[in-house]
Protein backbone atom coordinates (compact mmCIF):
# COMPACT_ATOMS: atom_id res chain seq x y z
CA MET A 1 62.58 20.45 10.08
CA GLU A 2 60.62 19.21 13.07
CA LEU A 3 59.67 15.58 12.47
CA LYS A 4 56.01 14.85 13.16
CA ILE A 5 53.11 12.88 11.74
CA ILE A 6 51.97 14.44 8.46
CA LYS A 7 48.31 15.43 8.78
CA THR A 8 47.69 18.12 6.16
CA LYS A 9 48.55 18.79 2.54
CA THR A 10 50.73 21.70 3.68
CA ASP A 11 52.67 19.39 6.01
CA TYR A 12 52.95 16.86 3.18
CA HIS A 13 54.35 19.36 0.67
CA SER A 14 56.79 20.72 3.26
CA ALA A 15 57.98 17.20 4.00
CA LEU A 16 58.43 16.48 0.29
CA GLU A 17 60.46 19.65 -0.19
CA ARG A 18 62.70 18.84 2.76
CA PHE A 19 63.07 15.25 1.61
CA GLU A 20 64.19 16.48 -1.83
CA ASP A 21 66.80 18.71 -0.19
CA ILE A 22 68.33 15.93 1.92
CA PHE A 23 67.68 12.89 -0.27
CA SER A 24 71.32 12.52 -1.29
CA ALA A 25 72.74 13.03 2.19
CA LYS A 26 75.76 10.94 3.08
CA SER A 27 74.84 7.76 4.97
CA GLY A 28 75.26 8.02 8.73
CA THR A 29 74.68 11.78 8.89
CA LYS A 30 71.85 13.60 10.67
CA GLU A 31 70.36 14.50 7.29
CA SER A 32 70.45 10.88 6.19
CA ASP A 33 68.63 9.79 9.34
CA GLU A 34 66.12 12.60 8.86
CA ALA A 35 65.54 11.49 5.25
CA ASP A 36 64.88 7.93 6.43
CA VAL A 37 62.26 9.09 8.93
CA LEU A 38 60.72 11.53 6.46
CA SER A 39 60.37 8.78 3.85
CA LEU A 40 58.38 6.70 6.37
CA LEU A 41 56.17 9.64 7.32
CA ILE A 42 55.55 10.54 3.67
CA HIS A 43 54.80 6.92 2.80
CA ASP A 44 52.31 6.67 5.68
CA TYR A 45 50.52 9.86 4.58
CA GLU A 46 50.35 8.70 0.95
CA GLU A 47 49.01 5.26 1.92
CA LYS A 48 46.17 6.91 3.82
CA ASN A 49 45.37 9.73 1.42
CA PHE A 50 46.17 8.49 -2.08
CA VAL A 51 44.43 5.13 -2.18
CA ILE A 52 44.57 3.40 -5.56
CA GLU A 53 41.79 0.91 -6.07
CA VAL A 54 42.61 -2.50 -7.46
CA PRO A 55 41.10 -2.71 -10.98
CA ASN A 56 38.40 -5.21 -11.74
CA PRO A 57 39.78 -8.44 -13.25
CA LEU A 58 38.36 -7.86 -16.73
CA GLU A 59 39.82 -4.35 -16.92
CA ALA A 60 43.18 -5.72 -15.80
CA ILE A 61 43.12 -8.46 -18.44
CA LYS A 62 42.19 -6.01 -21.21
CA TYR A 63 44.86 -3.58 -20.05
CA ARG A 64 47.55 -6.27 -20.02
CA MET A 65 46.44 -7.49 -23.45
CA GLU A 66 46.73 -3.95 -24.78
CA GLN A 67 50.17 -3.52 -23.18
CA GLN A 68 51.45 -6.73 -24.74
CA GLY A 69 49.65 -6.33 -28.07
CA LEU A 70 47.60 -9.50 -27.55
CA SER A 71 44.38 -10.37 -29.33
CA ASN A 72 41.45 -12.45 -28.10
CA ARG A 73 42.97 -15.32 -30.06
CA ASP A 74 46.22 -14.97 -28.09
CA LEU A 75 44.27 -14.95 -24.85
CA ALA A 76 42.41 -18.06 -25.99
CA LYS A 77 45.78 -19.85 -26.15
CA VAL A 78 46.26 -18.99 -22.49
CA LEU A 79 42.75 -19.90 -21.34
CA GLY A 80 42.00 -22.78 -23.68
CA TYR A 81 39.14 -21.76 -25.97
CA LYS A 82 38.15 -18.66 -27.94
CA SER A 83 34.54 -19.05 -26.81
CA ARG A 84 35.73 -18.98 -23.19
CA VAL A 85 37.38 -15.60 -23.80
CA SER A 86 34.20 -14.24 -25.38
CA ASP A 87 32.10 -15.50 -22.48
CA ILE A 88 34.44 -13.92 -19.94
CA PHE A 89 34.34 -10.54 -21.67
CA LYS A 90 30.54 -10.75 -22.07
CA ASN A 91 30.45 -11.48 -18.33
CA THR A 92 28.54 -14.74 -18.83
CA ARG A 93 31.43 -16.80 -17.43
CA LYS A 94 33.52 -16.07 -14.36
CA LEU A 95 37.20 -16.76 -14.04
CA ASN A 96 37.93 -20.07 -12.36
CA LEU A 97 41.00 -20.96 -10.33
CA LYS A 98 42.79 -22.60 -13.26
CA MET A 99 42.26 -19.50 -15.44
CA ILE A 100 43.39 -17.20 -12.65
CA ARG A 101 46.60 -19.17 -12.23
CA LYS A 102 47.32 -19.12 -15.97
CA LEU A 103 46.65 -15.38 -16.23
CA ASN A 104 48.92 -14.74 -13.27
CA GLU A 105 51.72 -16.95 -14.59
CA GLN A 106 51.59 -16.07 -18.27
CA LEU A 107 50.42 -12.45 -18.26
CA ASN A 108 51.82 -11.48 -14.85
CA ILE A 109 48.53 -10.08 -13.61
CA PRO A 110 48.59 -9.95 -9.79
CA LEU A 111 46.49 -12.58 -8.02
CA GLU A 112 44.84 -9.97 -5.81
CA THR A 113 43.48 -8.32 -8.94
CA LEU A 114 42.25 -11.54 -10.56
CA VAL A 115 40.36 -12.79 -7.48
CA LYS A 116 38.47 -9.53 -6.96
CA GLU A 117 34.69 -9.68 -7.38
CA TYR A 118 33.34 -8.25 -10.64
């Protein structure tokens, strides 16, 4: 396969097919080197064409609570008060720095998600 910047969906699918064929190539071979370059080209194309938006902080908190089977009461233990949790979900109170740090540390929600405007 001729290595070039991936610009179209057809190029992308061809690159994926070739990558699948040579993925397990022995290290140090031409195919292995080609797979390394293809992975970079594919990654570059995906970064430009398959952008995933960072969720809003409240959606991220609710999602993590659902994943971990947490209730509002459990979240209140993290943030301090049950009324604070209600206010946050009603959107009458914004997350402060202390809350953001606790949510990041205890629920493993990424900081870049928690500091996003909502």
